[in-house]
Amino acid sequence: MPEFDRVREALRASMSAWATLEVRGDQARVIPAPDLNQMALHLETADPHWSLTWACDSVQPPVVRARLTLLGVTREGLSGGHTLDDAKWAALADAARTFGVAPAGEIPWVEYDAEDGPNTSDLDEVTPLPTAPAAALPPEPPRDPQMEKARDHINDLLEQLKALGRGKEATRFVMRGYGETVEESRAIYKEIQAVLKS
């Protein structure tokens, strides 16, 4: 689909920012993320009706969901980060990945300073993105009412975990997702219930 190739190129051209996923002492793990100003500029010509919305799943630890709509197709990205802003940009990078724009190779570790942040100057010279066009987007699976219900039940339990001050455990479950089938969702639900009871 040539129109999606234009959208992918626009996303690829905007990948000039970096999101910090985690910090360990004087080292930080970073991923390339879209610069929002560049993204808006590039996407305006590829799809004037594009949209982006955010949802914060957890403040501590920071977990954000980005919903990106391009050419009428909506995909979500979900990610944690060192700060809420980092989680936001990492979630946007994850959403871009669902459209076929992803970092190549391993996620790099760089030097980190508490005041200046990560030192990505060496990484900026070589943006680790594939240049080959990605395959066509798979269709979004149809909504299953049972899966939606299961997701709501899991979210209720995650809220209970957060209310008990166990946000880290809740985030681990959020990052795993809700499962691909109702059976997987039930297993995840039971796991969270067991954690709540412990």
C-alpha atoms as a PDB file:
ATOM      1  CA  MET A   1       0.000   0.000   0.000  1.00  0.00           C
ATOM      2  CA  PRO A   2       1.846   3.083  -1.235  1.00  0.00           C
ATOM      3  CA  GLU A   3      -0.032   5.432   1.116  1.00  0.00           C
ATOM      4  CA  PHE A   4       1.256   3.491   4.154  1.00  0.00           C
ATOM      5  CA  ASP A   5       4.779   3.698   2.734  1.00  0.00           C
ATOM      6  CA  ARG A   6       4.423   7.508   2.834  1.00  0.00           C
ATOM      7  CA  VAL A   7       3.203   7.362   6.441  1.00  0.00           C
ATOM      8  CA  ARG A   8       6.080   5.063   7.445  1.00  0.00           C
ATOM      9  CA  GLU A   9       8.584   7.387   5.782  1.00  0.00           C
ATOM     10  CA  ALA A  10       7.055  10.327   7.667  1.00  0.00           C
ATOM     11  CA  LEU A  11       7.356   8.439  10.970  1.00  0.00           C
ATOM     12  CA  ARG A  12      10.892   7.313  10.148  1.00  0.00           C
ATOM     13  CA  ALA A  13      11.903  10.912   9.342  1.00  0.00           C
ATOM     14  CA  SER A  14      10.595  12.088  12.737  1.00  0.00           C
ATOM     15  CA  MET A  15      12.602   9.579  14.806  1.00  0.00           C
ATOM     16  CA  SER A  16      15.097  12.125  16.088  1.00  0.00           C
ATOM     17  CA  ALA A  17      14.414  12.066  19.847  1.00  0.00           C
ATOM     18  CA  TRP A  18      15.463   9.557  22.518  1.00  0.00           C
ATOM     19  CA  ALA A  19      13.416   8.072  25.365  1.00  0.00           C
ATOM     20  CA  THR A  20      15.138   6.752  28.490  1.00  0.00           C
ATOM     21  CA  LEU A  21      13.730   3.373  29.451  1.00  0.00           C
ATOM     22  CA  GLU A  22      15.786   2.794  32.599  1.00  0.00           C
ATOM     23  CA  VAL A  23      18.731   4.187  34.528  1.00  0.00           C
ATOM     24  CA  ARG A  24      21.350   2.176  36.423  1.00  0.00           C
ATOM     25  CA  GLY A  25      23.891   4.384  38.147  1.00  0.00           C
ATOM     26  CA  ASP A  26      25.683   6.351  35.426  1.00  0.00           C
ATOM     27  CA  GLN A  27      24.219   4.286  32.558  1.00  0.00           C
ATOM     28  CA  ALA A  28      20.860   4.608  30.814  1.00  0.00           C
ATOM     29  CA  ARG A  29      19.077   2.419  28.279  1.00  0.00           C
ATOM     30  CA  VAL A  30      17.541   4.528  25.497  1.00  0.00           C
ATOM     31  CA  ILE A  31      15.436   3.986  22.376  1.00  0.00           C
ATOM     32  CA  PRO A  32      14.818   6.267  19.400  1.00  0.00           C
ATOM     33  CA  ALA A  33      11.447   7.980  19.550  1.00  0.00           C
ATOM     34  CA  PRO A  34       9.554  10.401  17.313  1.00  0.00           C
ATOM     35  CA  ASP A  35      10.072  14.105  17.929  1.00  0.00           C
ATOM     36  CA  LEU A  36       6.479  15.364  18.117  1.00  0.00           C
ATOM     37  CA  ASN A  37       7.124  18.593  16.182  1.00  0.00           C
ATOM     38  CA  GLN A  38       8.925  16.716  13.396  1.00  0.00           C
ATOM     39  CA  MET A  39       6.236  14.036  13.387  1.00  0.00           C
ATOM     40  CA  ALA A  40       3.442  16.595  13.022  1.00  0.00           C
ATOM     41  CA  LEU A  41       5.312  18.318  10.211  1.00  0.00           C
ATOM     42  CA  HIS A  42       6.015  15.105   8.283  1.00  0.00           C
ATOM     43  CA  LEU A  43       2.644  13.444   8.894  1.00  0.00           C
ATOM     44  CA  GLU A  44       0.686  16.524   7.807  1.00  0.00           C
ATOM     45  CA  THR A  45       1.636  15.834   4.186  1.00  0.00           C
ATOM     46  CA  ALA A  46       1.211  12.032   4.411  1.00  0.00           C
ATOM     47  CA  ASP A  47      -2.099  12.091   6.326  1.00  0.00           C
ATOM     48  CA  PRO A  48      -3.691  15.437   7.223  1.00  0.00           C
ATOM     49  CA  HIS A  49      -6.239  13.621   9.451  1.00  0.00           C
ATOM     50  CA  TRP A  50      -3.765  11.751  11.673  1.00  0.00           C
ATOM     51  CA  SER A  51      -4.360  11.804  15.433  1.00  0.00           C
ATOM     52  CA  LEU A  52      -2.565  10.937  18.654  1.00  0.00           C
ATOM     53  CA  THR A  53      -3.949  10.479  22.161  1.00  0.00           C
ATOM     54  CA  TRP A  54      -2.255   9.544  25.418  1.00  0.00           C
ATOM     55  CA  ALA A  55      -3.367   7.691  28.529  1.00  0.00           C
ATOM     56  CA  CYS A  56      -1.347   7.338  31.714  1.00  0.00           C
ATOM     57  CA  ASP A  57      -1.696   3.804  33.100  1.00  0.00           C
ATOM     58  CA  SER A  58       0.624   4.406  36.059  1.00  0.00           C
ATOM     59  CA  VAL A  59       2.463   7.428  37.449  1.00  0.00           C
ATOM     60  CA  GLN A  60       4.862   5.481  39.645  1.00  0.00           C
ATOM     61  CA  PRO A  61       6.411   3.581  37.982  1.00  0.00           C
ATOM     62  CA  PRO A  62       5.641   5.600  34.848  1.00  0.00           C
ATOM     63  CA  VAL A  63       3.608   3.656  32.255  1.00  0.00           C
ATOM     64  CA  VAL A  64       1.912   5.399  29.331  1.00  0.00           C
ATOM     65  CA  ARG A  65      -0.291   4.275  26.443  1.00  0.00           C
ATOM     66  CA  ALA A  66      -0.153   6.117  23.071  1.00  0.00           C
ATOM     67  CA  ARG A  67      -2.965   5.677  20.529  1.00  0.00           C
ATOM     68  CA  LEU A  68      -1.895   6.685  17.017  1.00  0.00           C
ATOM     69  CA  THR A  69      -4.333   6.850  14.097  1.00  0.00           C
ATOM     70  CA  LEU A  70      -2.885   7.014  10.587  1.00  0.00           C
ATOM     71  CA  LEU A  71      -4.922   6.710   7.382  1.00  0.00           C
ATOM     72  CA  GLY A  72      -7.901   5.560   9.437  1.00  0.00           C
ATOM     73  CA  VAL A  73      -5.962   2.730  11.139  1.00  0.00           C
ATOM     74  CA  THR A  74      -5.518   2.970  14.920  1.00  0.00           C
ATOM     75  CA  ARG A  75      -2.765   1.210  16.840  1.00  0.00           C
ATOM     76  CA  GLU A  76      -1.676   1.476  20.475  1.00  0.00           C
ATOM     77  CA  GLY A  77       1.772   1.557  21.969  1.00  0.00           C
ATOM     78  CA  LEU A  78       2.455   0.877  25.651  1.00  0.00           C
ATOM     79  CA  SER A  79       5.678   1.495  27.502  1.00  0.00           C
ATOM     80  CA  GLY A  80       7.287   2.332  30.772  1.00  0.00           C
ATOM     81  CA  GLY A  81      10.136   4.788  31.134  1.00  0.00           C
ATOM     82  CA  HIS A  82      12.501   6.460  33.562  1.00  0.00           C
ATOM     83  CA  THR A  83      10.151   9.453  33.860  1.00  0.00           C
ATOM     84  CA  LEU A  84       6.571  10.041  32.773  1.00  0.00           C
ATOM     85  CA  ASP A  85       7.809  11.981  29.716  1.00  0.00           C
ATOM     86  CA  ASP A  86      10.174   9.130  28.814  1.00  0.00           C
ATOM     87  CA  ALA A  87       7.305   6.642  29.111  1.00  0.00           C
ATOM     88  CA  LYS A  88       5.215   8.899  26.866  1.00  0.00           C
ATOM     89  CA  TRP A  89       7.855   9.021  24.112  1.00  0.00           C
ATOM     90  CA  ALA A  90       8.636   5.309  24.460  1.00  0.00           C
ATOM     91  CA  ALA A  91       4.906   4.526  24.089  1.00  0.00           C
ATOM     92  CA  LEU A  92       4.832   6.662  20.940  1.00  0.00           C
ATOM     93  CA  ALA A  93       7.870   4.747  19.640  1.00  0.00           C
ATOM     94  CA  ASP A  94       6.012   1.499  20.391  1.00  0.00           C
ATOM     95  CA  ALA A  95       2.991   2.770  18.444  1.00  0.00           C
ATOM     96  CA  ALA A  96       5.304   3.674  15.534  1.00  0.00           C
ATOM     97  CA  ARG A  97       6.676   0.113  15.701  1.00  0.00           C
ATOM     98  CA  THR A  98       3.158  -1.243  15.093  1.00  0.00           C
ATOM     99  CA  PHE A  99       3.166   0.736  11.840  1.00  0.00           C
ATOM    100  CA  GLY A 100       6.462  -0.877  10.786  1.00  0.00           C
ATOM    101  CA  VAL A 101       8.987   1.704  12.042  1.00  0.00           C
ATOM    102  CA  ALA A 102      11.218   0.074  14.643  1.00  0.00           C
ATOM    103  CA  PRO A 103      14.792   0.373  15.910  1.00  0.00           C
ATOM    104  CA  ALA A 104      17.235  -2.079  14.411  1.00  0.00           C
ATOM    105  CA  GLY A 105      19.522  -4.087  16.654  1.00  0.00           C
ATOM    106  CA  GLU A 106      19.813  -3.955  20.408  1.00  0.00           C
ATOM    107  CA  ILE A 107      18.567  -1.123  22.603  1.00  0.00           C
ATOM    108  CA  PRO A 108      21.759   0.781  23.513  1.00  0.00           C
ATOM    109  CA  TRP A 109      23.125   1.772  26.911  1.00  0.00           C
ATOM    110  CA  VAL A 110      24.685   5.245  27.127  1.00  0.00           C
ATOM    111  CA  GLU A 111      26.339   7.402  29.770  1.00  0.00           C
ATOM    112  CA  TYR A 112      23.837   9.107  32.075  1.00  0.00           C
ATOM    113  CA  ASP A 113      24.135  12.253  34.177  1.00  0.00           C
ATOM    114  CA  ALA A 114      21.382  13.159  36.661  1.00  0.00           C
ATOM    115  CA  GLU A 115      21.416  16.825  35.552  1.00  0.00           C
ATOM    116  CA  ASP A 116      22.093  16.482  31.821  1.00  0.00           C
ATOM    117  CA  GLY A 117      20.268  13.192  31.211  1.00  0.00           C
ATOM    118  CA  PRO A 118      21.477  10.534  28.759  1.00  0.00           C
ATOM    119  CA  ASN A 119      24.390  11.293  26.458  1.00  0.00           C
ATOM    120  CA  THR A 120      23.028  10.287  23.048  1.00  0.00           C
ATOM    121  CA  SER A 121      25.439  12.412  21.002  1.00  0.00           C
ATOM    122  CA  ASP A 122      27.220   9.348  19.578  1.00  0.00           C
ATOM    123  CA  LEU A 123      23.882   7.716  18.782  1.00  0.00           C
ATOM    124  CA  ASP A 124      22.467  10.798  17.029  1.00  0.00           C
ATOM    125  CA  GLU A 125      25.032  10.407  14.264  1.00  0.00           C
ATOM    126  CA  VAL A 126      23.630   7.019  13.283  1.00  0.00           C
ATOM    127  CA  THR A 127      19.868   6.666  13.689  1.00  0.00           C
ATOM    128  CA  PRO A 128      19.304   2.908  14.092  1.00  0.00           C
ATOM    129  CA  LEU A 129      16.216   2.526  11.888  1.00  0.00           C
ATOM    130  CA  PRO A 130      15.683   0.107   9.032  1.00  0.00           C
ATOM    131  CA  THR A 131      15.405   1.687   5.612  1.00  0.00           C
ATOM    132  CA  ALA A 132      13.631  -1.207   3.914  1.00  0.00           C
ATOM    133  CA  PRO A 133       9.879  -0.679   3.649  1.00  0.00           C
ATOM    134  CA  ALA A 134       7.876  -2.766   6.088  1.00  0.00           C
ATOM    135  CA  ALA A 135       5.209  -5.231   5.080  1.00  0.00           C
ATOM    136  CA  ALA A 136       1.577  -4.162   4.870  1.00  0.00           C
ATOM    137  CA  LEU A 137      -0.182  -3.647   8.187  1.00  0.00           C
ATOM    138  CA  PRO A 138      -2.092  -6.611   9.505  1.00  0.00           C
ATOM    139  CA  PRO A 139      -5.767  -5.879  10.037  1.00  0.00           C
ATOM    140  CA  GLU A 140      -6.748  -4.998  13.580  1.00  0.00           C
ATOM    141  CA  PRO A 141      -8.409  -8.040  15.134  1.00  0.00           C
ATOM    142  CA  PRO A 142     -12.168  -7.720  15.630  1.00  0.00           C
ATOM    143  CA  ARG A 143     -13.259  -6.775  19.143  1.00  0.00           C
ATOM    144  CA  ASP A 144     -14.326  -9.792  21.188  1.00  0.00           C
ATOM    145  CA  PRO A 145     -16.862  -8.843  23.892  1.00  0.00           C
ATOM    146  CA  GLN A 146     -15.509 -11.609  26.166  1.00  0.00           C
ATOM    147  CA  MET A 147     -11.954 -10.275  25.789  1.00  0.00           C
ATOM    148  CA  GLU A 148     -13.159  -6.728  26.526  1.00  0.00           C
ATOM    149  CA  LYS A 149     -14.880  -8.010  29.676  1.00  0.00           C
ATOM    150  CA  ALA A 150     -11.765  -9.947  30.715  1.00  0.00           C
ATOM    151  CA  ARG A 151      -9.645  -6.850  30.169  1.00  0.00           C
ATOM    152  CA  ASP A 152     -11.987  -4.808  32.387  1.00  0.00           C
ATOM    153  CA  HIS A 153     -11.770  -7.433  35.151  1.00  0.00           C
ATOM    154  CA  ILE A 154      -7.970  -7.461  34.936  1.00  0.00           C
ATOM    155  CA  ASN A 155      -7.913  -3.645  35.067  1.00  0.00           C
ATOM    156  CA  ASP A 156     -10.079  -3.731  38.227  1.00  0.00           C
ATOM    157  CA  LEU A 157      -7.590  -6.053  39.928  1.00  0.00           C
ATOM    158  CA  LEU A 158      -4.652  -3.901  38.786  1.00  0.00           C
ATOM    159  CA  GLU A 159      -6.331  -0.847  40.322  1.00  0.00           C
ATOM    160  CA  GLN A 160      -6.683  -2.776  43.592  1.00  0.00           C
ATOM    161  CA  LEU A 161      -2.965  -3.626  43.476  1.00  0.00           C
ATOM    162  CA  LYS A 162      -2.081   0.046  42.891  1.00  0.00           C
ATOM    163  CA  ALA A 163      -4.380   1.132  45.733  1.00  0.00           C
ATOM    164  CA  LEU A 164      -2.438  -1.201  48.034  1.00  0.00           C
ATOM    165  CA  GLY A 165       0.804   0.553  47.045  1.00  0.00           C
ATOM    166  CA  ARG A 166       1.958  -2.318  44.851  1.00  0.00           C
ATOM    167  CA  GLY A 167       2.308  -0.336  41.629  1.00  0.00           C
ATOM    168  CA  LYS A 168       5.484  -2.129  40.530  1.00  0.00           C
ATOM    169  CA  GLU A 169       3.729  -5.485  40.550  1.00  0.00           C
ATOM    170  CA  ALA A 170       0.760  -3.971  38.697  1.00  0.00           C
ATOM    171  CA  THR A 171       3.108  -2.523  36.069  1.00  0.00           C
ATOM    172  CA  ARG A 172       4.713  -5.922  35.474  1.00  0.00           C
ATOM    173  CA  PHE A 173       1.273  -7.296  34.615  1.00  0.00           C
ATOM    174  CA  VAL A 174       0.424  -4.242  32.454  1.00  0.00           C
ATOM    175  CA  MET A 175       3.615  -4.721  30.449  1.00  0.00           C
ATOM    176  CA  ARG A 176       2.718  -8.385  29.807  1.00  0.00           C
ATOM    177  CA  GLY A 177      -0.649  -7.462  28.344  1.00  0.00           C
ATOM    178  CA  TYR A 178      -4.042  -9.107  28.695  1.00  0.00           C
ATOM    179  CA  GLY A 179      -3.392 -12.341  26.825  1.00  0.00           C
ATOM    180  CA  GLU A 180      -4.380 -13.299  23.306  1.00  0.00           C
ATOM    181  CA  THR A 181      -7.291 -15.567  24.260  1.00  0.00           C
ATOM    182  CA  VAL A 182      -9.965 -15.638  26.951  1.00  0.00           C
ATOM    183  CA  GLU A 183      -8.141 -18.599  28.554  1.00  0.00           C
ATOM    184  CA  GLU A 184      -4.874 -16.629  28.727  1.00  0.00           C
ATOM    185  CA  SER A 185      -6.754 -13.655  30.205  1.00  0.00           C
ATOM    186  CA  ARG A 186      -8.292 -15.919  32.850  1.00  0.00           C
ATOM    187  CA  ALA A 187      -4.843 -17.262  33.753  1.00  0.00           C
ATOM    188  CA  ILE A 188      -3.503 -13.701  34.108  1.00  0.00           C
ATOM    189  CA  TYR A 189      -6.553 -12.756  36.202  1.00  0.00           C
ATOM    190  CA  LYS A 190      -5.897 -15.715  38.539  1.00  0.00           C
ATOM    191  CA  GLU A 191      -2.209 -14.752  38.814  1.00  0.00           C
ATOM    192  CA  ILE A 192      -3.114 -11.190  39.832  1.00  0.00           C
ATOM    193  CA  GLN A 193      -5.687 -12.525  42.319  1.00  0.00           C
ATOM    194  CA  ALA A 194      -3.007 -14.721  43.890  1.00  0.00           C
ATOM    195  CA  VAL A 195      -0.664 -11.716  44.180  1.00  0.00           C
ATOM    196  CA  LEU A 196      -3.469  -9.689  45.804  1.00  0.00           C
ATOM    197  CA  LYS A 197      -4.075 -12.420  48.368  1.00  0.00           C
ATOM    198  CA  SER A 198      -0.380 -12.835  49.224  1.00  0.00           C
END
